[in-house]
N, C-alpha and C. Protein backbone atom coordinates (compact mmCIF):
# COMPACT_ATOMS: atom_id res chain seq x y z
N MET A 1 -39.03 38.37 8.21
CA MET A 1 -38.32 38.17 9.56
C MET A 1 -38.75 36.99 10.58
N ALA A 2 -39.95 36.35 10.08
CA ALA A 2 -40.16 35.22 11.18
C ALA A 2 -39.08 34.10 10.60
N TYR A 3 -39.12 34.00 9.27
CA TYR A 3 -38.19 32.75 8.80
C TYR A 3 -36.79 32.96 9.05
N LYS A 4 -36.31 34.43 9.24
CA LYS A 4 -34.85 34.56 10.00
C LYS A 4 -34.83 34.06 11.46
N VAL A 5 -35.64 34.22 12.21
CA VAL A 5 -36.07 33.97 13.68
C VAL A 5 -35.84 32.42 13.58
N MET A 6 -36.70 31.47 12.84
CA MET A 6 -36.85 30.30 12.86
C MET A 6 -35.45 29.53 12.10
N GLN A 7 -34.31 30.47 11.01
CA GLN A 7 -33.32 29.93 10.72
C GLN A 7 -32.30 30.17 12.04
N ASN A 8 -32.17 30.95 12.61
CA ASN A 8 -31.64 31.07 13.91
C ASN A 8 -31.58 29.81 14.89
N PHE A 9 -32.88 29.56 15.26
CA PHE A 9 -32.96 28.19 16.14
C PHE A 9 -32.42 27.09 15.56
N ILE A 10 -32.82 26.72 14.12
CA ILE A 10 -32.23 25.79 13.27
C ILE A 10 -30.70 25.62 13.27
N ASP A 11 -30.28 26.67 13.22
CA ASP A 11 -28.71 27.19 12.79
C ASP A 11 -27.84 26.84 14.51
N VAL A 12 -28.73 26.54 15.63
CA VAL A 12 -28.05 26.30 16.80
C VAL A 12 -28.59 24.95 17.37
N GLY A 13 -28.99 24.16 16.39
CA GLY A 13 -29.47 22.64 16.67
C GLY A 13 -30.93 22.45 16.87
N PHE A 14 -31.87 23.15 16.90
CA PHE A 14 -32.92 22.67 17.17
C PHE A 14 -33.35 22.49 15.73
N LYS A 15 -34.60 21.46 15.88
CA LYS A 15 -35.46 20.89 14.51
C LYS A 15 -36.91 21.54 14.68
N LEU A 16 -37.15 21.85 13.20
CA LEU A 16 -38.55 22.46 12.89
C LEU A 16 -39.72 21.59 13.02
N LYS A 17 -40.53 21.17 14.05
CA LYS A 17 -41.39 20.07 14.17
C LYS A 17 -42.81 20.68 13.37
N GLU A 18 -43.13 22.21 13.32
CA GLU A 18 -44.32 22.32 13.04
C GLU A 18 -44.51 24.22 12.96
N ASP A 19 -44.98 24.78 11.97
CA ASP A 19 -45.28 25.65 11.69
C ASP A 19 -46.62 25.95 11.62
N ILE A 20 -47.11 26.89 12.88
CA ILE A 20 -48.77 27.22 12.84
C ILE A 20 -48.78 28.68 12.41
N ILE A 21 -49.64 28.87 11.61
CA ILE A 21 -49.73 30.21 11.12
C ILE A 21 -50.91 30.83 11.66
N LYS A 22 -51.21 31.61 12.52
CA LYS A 22 -52.47 31.96 12.96
C LYS A 22 -53.00 33.56 12.43
N HIS A 23 -54.34 33.32 11.81
CA HIS A 23 -54.58 34.39 10.97
C HIS A 23 -55.06 35.52 12.26
N GLN A 24 -55.09 36.59 11.83
CA GLN A 24 -55.60 37.83 12.74
C GLN A 24 -56.53 38.34 12.34
N TRP A 25 -57.95 38.43 13.02
CA TRP A 25 -59.12 38.51 12.52
C TRP A 25 -59.52 40.07 12.99
N ASN A 26 -60.36 40.86 12.28
CA ASN A 26 -60.08 42.28 12.51
C ASN A 26 -59.50 43.11 12.29
N CYS A 27 -58.53 42.30 11.32
CA CYS A 27 -57.37 43.25 10.70
C CYS A 27 -57.72 44.04 9.51
N LYS A 28 -58.45 45.21 9.61
CA LYS A 28 -59.12 45.93 8.16
C LYS A 28 -58.44 47.34 8.27
N THR A 29 -57.68 47.69 7.00
CA THR A 29 -57.34 48.65 7.00
C THR A 29 -58.45 50.13 6.83
N THR A 30 -58.55 50.66 7.97
CA THR A 30 -59.25 52.10 7.81
C THR A 30 -58.35 53.34 7.55
N PRO A 31 -59.08 54.43 7.22
CA PRO A 31 -58.51 55.59 7.27
C PRO A 31 -57.87 55.83 8.49
N PHE A 32 -58.53 55.61 9.78
CA PHE A 32 -58.01 55.89 10.85
C PHE A 32 -56.70 55.00 11.39
N TRP A 33 -56.64 53.63 11.16
CA TRP A 33 -55.04 52.80 10.98
C TRP A 33 -54.53 53.15 10.09
N THR A 34 -54.80 53.28 8.97
CA THR A 34 -53.66 53.72 8.13
C THR A 34 -53.05 55.08 8.22
N GLN A 35 -53.71 56.02 8.88
CA GLN A 35 -52.80 57.08 9.00
C GLN A 35 -52.03 56.91 10.54
N LYS A 36 -52.41 56.09 11.62
CA LYS A 36 -51.70 55.70 12.44
C LYS A 36 -50.39 55.20 12.41
N SER A 37 -50.60 54.02 11.17
CA SER A 37 -49.71 53.44 10.85
C SER A 37 -48.40 53.93 10.27
N LYS A 38 -48.77 55.19 9.62
CA LYS A 38 -47.78 56.11 8.73
C LYS A 38 -47.18 57.01 9.92
N ASP A 39 -48.04 57.52 10.77
CA ASP A 39 -47.36 58.35 11.80
C ASP A 39 -46.42 57.55 12.90
N TYR A 40 -46.80 56.53 13.09
CA TYR A 40 -46.05 55.74 14.26
C TYR A 40 -45.05 54.52 13.70
N ASN A 41 -44.95 54.57 12.42
CA ASN A 41 -44.18 53.67 11.46
C ASN A 41 -44.32 52.18 12.08
N PHE A 42 -45.60 51.75 11.78
CA PHE A 42 -45.66 50.38 12.18
C PHE A 42 -46.45 49.69 10.96
N LEU A 43 -46.50 48.44 10.88
CA LEU A 43 -47.73 47.70 10.09
C LEU A 43 -48.45 46.76 10.85
N LEU A 44 -49.62 46.87 10.36
CA LEU A 44 -50.79 46.24 10.53
C LEU A 44 -50.52 44.67 9.78
N ILE A 45 -50.54 43.45 10.99
CA ILE A 45 -49.91 42.16 10.40
C ILE A 45 -51.43 41.43 10.13
N MET A 46 -50.99 40.60 9.21
CA MET A 46 -52.38 39.51 8.88
C MET A 46 -52.17 38.57 9.54
N HIS A 47 -51.10 37.91 9.88
CA HIS A 47 -50.69 37.02 10.30
C HIS A 47 -49.56 36.70 11.32
N GLU A 48 -49.46 35.47 12.08
CA GLU A 48 -48.45 35.47 12.68
C GLU A 48 -47.87 33.99 12.50
N HIS A 49 -46.55 33.51 12.83
CA HIS A 49 -46.15 32.35 13.09
C HIS A 49 -45.82 31.81 14.48
N LEU A 50 -46.06 30.62 14.69
CA LEU A 50 -45.94 29.59 15.81
C LEU A 50 -44.99 28.70 15.67
N PHE A 51 -43.75 28.82 15.67
CA PHE A 51 -42.88 27.90 15.48
C PHE A 51 -42.78 26.78 16.69
N VAL A 52 -42.85 25.29 16.24
CA VAL A 52 -42.44 24.21 17.26
C VAL A 52 -41.54 23.60 16.97
N PHE A 53 -40.32 23.84 17.93
CA PHE A 53 -39.12 23.11 17.65
C PHE A 53 -39.14 21.89 18.61
N GLU A 54 -37.90 20.78 18.33
CA GLU A 54 -37.73 19.74 19.04
C GLU A 54 -36.09 19.80 19.26
N LYS A 55 -35.69 19.97 20.35
CA LYS A 55 -34.11 20.01 20.82
C LYS A 55 -33.51 18.71 20.29
N SER A 56 -32.41 18.80 19.68
CA SER A 56 -31.94 17.31 19.45
C SER A 56 -31.13 16.87 20.50
């Protein structure tokens, strides 16, 4: 999904300068969170992307 968002920005004229990847700390799968993610249909994320763009 992150790369689709990045591509949308590129398609409208932005230039990608940097892709910063932030690691999520304390993201552990425990029985509690495994069940919660199933009950509420969400994923535990391990990292996030911070895209830095330059406008042409």
